[in-house]
Amino acid sequence: MMKRTPLRLFAIYFLCFCAGLVLAWVILTQLIEGVREGYPVLLLLPPLGGMALFHGLFPMLSRLRLGLEFVAVGGGLVYGLGALMTGVVWLGLLDPGTAFVFWLAGVFGPGWWLMSGWAEKNGYYQ
């Protein structure tokens, strides 16, 4: 078994994050017709599926013990920043591609910062 290091935890975080994005993309491609037909509430499902995969897979692979706070903070990051970026696009301040890049950076960066903090606090690296 590999030694528990910040690099190992980051690699697991990155792989789980990418897996969540891929699942969200697959869900979105399946729901796009419903969104075009006037059901915008379906846009809540792709991030929910991606988060479910990430929040289930990451603790299992990293063996980092996380509580309900992990899910609550992650959901706040994903949906809160998503709502903010949607508003910015709706107001015409950013195009959707740029807003998506800002959303990715805003979710991935702080998420990693919180995750490494929890790992440090829980004695994960020892």
Protein backbone atom coordinates (compact mmCIF):
# COMPACT_ATOMS: atom_id res chain seq x y z
CA MET A 1 0.00 0.00 0.00
CA MET A 2 1.25 3.49 -0.83
CA LYS A 3 2.22 5.86 1.94
CA ARG A 4 -0.39 8.52 2.66
CA THR A 5 1.02 11.74 1.22
CA PRO A 6 -0.55 14.99 0.03
CA LEU A 7 0.34 14.05 -3.57
CA ARG A 8 -1.46 10.70 -3.27
CA LEU A 9 -4.51 12.38 -1.78
CA PHE A 10 -4.47 15.01 -4.53
CA ALA A 11 -4.26 12.32 -7.24
CA ILE A 12 -7.26 10.51 -5.75
CA TYR A 13 -9.14 13.83 -5.41
CA PHE A 14 -8.39 14.73 -9.03
CA LEU A 15 -9.44 11.32 -10.40
CA CYS A 16 -12.67 11.30 -8.41
CA PHE A 17 -13.42 14.89 -9.46
CA CYS A 18 -12.87 14.00 -13.12
CA ALA A 19 -15.06 10.89 -12.77
CA GLY A 20 -17.81 13.07 -11.30
CA LEU A 21 -17.50 15.52 -14.21
CA VAL A 22 -17.71 12.70 -16.75
CA LEU A 23 -20.82 11.29 -15.08
CA ALA A 24 -22.40 14.77 -14.98
CA TRP A 25 -21.65 15.16 -18.69
CA VAL A 26 -23.22 11.78 -19.50
CA ILE A 27 -26.34 12.68 -17.50
CA LEU A 28 -26.54 16.06 -19.23
CA THR A 29 -26.34 14.51 -22.69
CA GLN A 30 -29.23 12.21 -21.77
CA LEU A 31 -31.38 15.08 -20.44
CA ILE A 32 -30.63 17.78 -23.01
CA GLU A 33 -33.84 17.18 -24.98
CA GLY A 34 -35.93 17.64 -21.85
CA VAL A 35 -34.14 20.90 -21.11
CA ARG A 36 -34.79 22.10 -24.68
CA GLU A 37 -38.48 21.23 -24.27
CA GLY A 38 -38.74 23.65 -21.36
CA TYR A 39 -37.82 21.66 -18.26
CA PRO A 40 -34.84 23.62 -16.86
CA VAL A 41 -35.18 21.89 -13.47
CA LEU A 42 -33.50 18.89 -15.13
CA LEU A 43 -30.26 20.89 -15.03
CA LEU A 44 -30.07 20.13 -11.31
CA LEU A 45 -29.51 16.41 -11.98
CA PRO A 46 -26.04 16.42 -13.64
CA PRO A 47 -24.28 18.11 -10.70
CA LEU A 48 -26.21 15.92 -8.29
CA GLY A 49 -25.06 12.75 -10.07
CA GLY A 50 -21.47 13.97 -10.26
CA MET A 51 -21.48 14.90 -6.59
CA ALA A 52 -22.97 11.55 -5.62
CA LEU A 53 -20.20 9.73 -7.45
CA PHE A 54 -17.46 11.98 -6.04
CA HIS A 55 -18.75 11.92 -2.47
CA GLY A 56 -19.09 8.16 -2.56
CA LEU A 57 -15.89 7.31 -4.39
CA PHE A 58 -13.42 9.73 -2.77
CA PRO A 59 -13.75 8.55 0.85
CA MET A 60 -13.68 4.93 -0.26
CA LEU A 61 -10.48 5.29 -2.32
CA SER A 62 -8.64 7.68 -0.01
CA ARG A 63 -9.79 6.00 3.21
CA LEU A 64 -10.22 9.45 4.69
CA ARG A 65 -13.02 9.51 7.26
CA LEU A 66 -15.38 12.34 6.45
CA GLY A 67 -18.65 13.31 8.02
CA LEU A 68 -21.86 14.84 6.75
CA GLU A 69 -20.10 18.20 6.69
CA PHE A 70 -18.20 16.90 3.64
CA VAL A 71 -21.43 16.50 1.66
CA ALA A 72 -22.95 19.76 2.88
CA VAL A 73 -19.91 21.89 2.07
CA GLY A 74 -19.45 20.15 -1.29
CA GLY A 75 -23.08 20.73 -2.21
CA GLY A 76 -22.82 24.36 -1.17
CA LEU A 77 -19.77 24.82 -3.36
CA VAL A 78 -21.24 23.10 -6.41
CA TYR A 79 -24.72 24.59 -6.33
CA GLY A 80 -23.86 27.95 -4.77
CA LEU A 81 -21.15 28.78 -7.24
CA GLY A 82 -23.27 27.28 -10.03
CA ALA A 83 -26.14 29.61 -9.17
CA LEU A 84 -23.77 32.57 -9.04
CA MET A 85 -22.26 31.74 -12.44
CA THR A 86 -25.73 31.20 -13.92
CA GLY A 87 -26.72 34.67 -12.74
CA VAL A 88 -23.58 36.19 -14.19
CA VAL A 89 -24.29 34.57 -17.58
CA TRP A 90 -27.94 35.59 -17.44
CA LEU A 91 -26.91 39.21 -16.81
CA GLY A 92 -24.59 39.01 -19.81
CA LEU A 93 -21.41 39.67 -17.84
CA LEU A 94 -19.71 36.43 -18.98
CA ASP A 95 -20.20 33.94 -21.75
CA PRO A 96 -21.17 30.37 -20.69
CA GLY A 97 -17.74 28.86 -21.49
CA THR A 98 -15.87 31.35 -19.31
CA ALA A 99 -18.41 30.95 -16.52
CA PHE A 100 -17.94 27.16 -16.67
CA VAL A 101 -14.15 27.54 -16.34
CA PHE A 102 -14.63 29.88 -13.36
CA TRP A 103 -17.06 27.36 -11.84
CA LEU A 104 -14.56 24.52 -12.27
CA ALA A 105 -11.76 26.53 -10.69
CA GLY A 106 -14.05 27.76 -7.92
CA VAL A 107 -15.17 24.24 -7.03
CA PHE A 108 -11.92 22.32 -7.53
CA GLY A 109 -9.53 24.73 -5.78
CA PRO A 110 -11.46 25.43 -2.57
CA GLY A 111 -12.62 21.80 -2.50
CA TRP A 112 -9.02 20.62 -2.49
CA TRP A 113 -8.06 23.21 0.11
CA LEU A 114 -10.86 22.01 2.42
CA MET A 115 -10.05 18.35 1.76
CA SER A 116 -6.36 18.73 2.57
CA GLY A 117 -7.31 20.66 5.71
CA TRP A 118 -9.62 17.86 6.85
CA ALA A 119 -6.92 15.30 6.13
CA GLU A 120 -4.41 17.26 8.19
CA LYS A 121 -6.90 17.74 11.04
CA ASN A 122 -7.80 14.03 11.11
CA GLY A 123 -4.17 12.84 11.13
CA TYR A 124 -4.44 11.26 7.67
CA TYR A 125 -0.76 11.73 6.77
CA GLN A 126 0.62 10.07 9.89
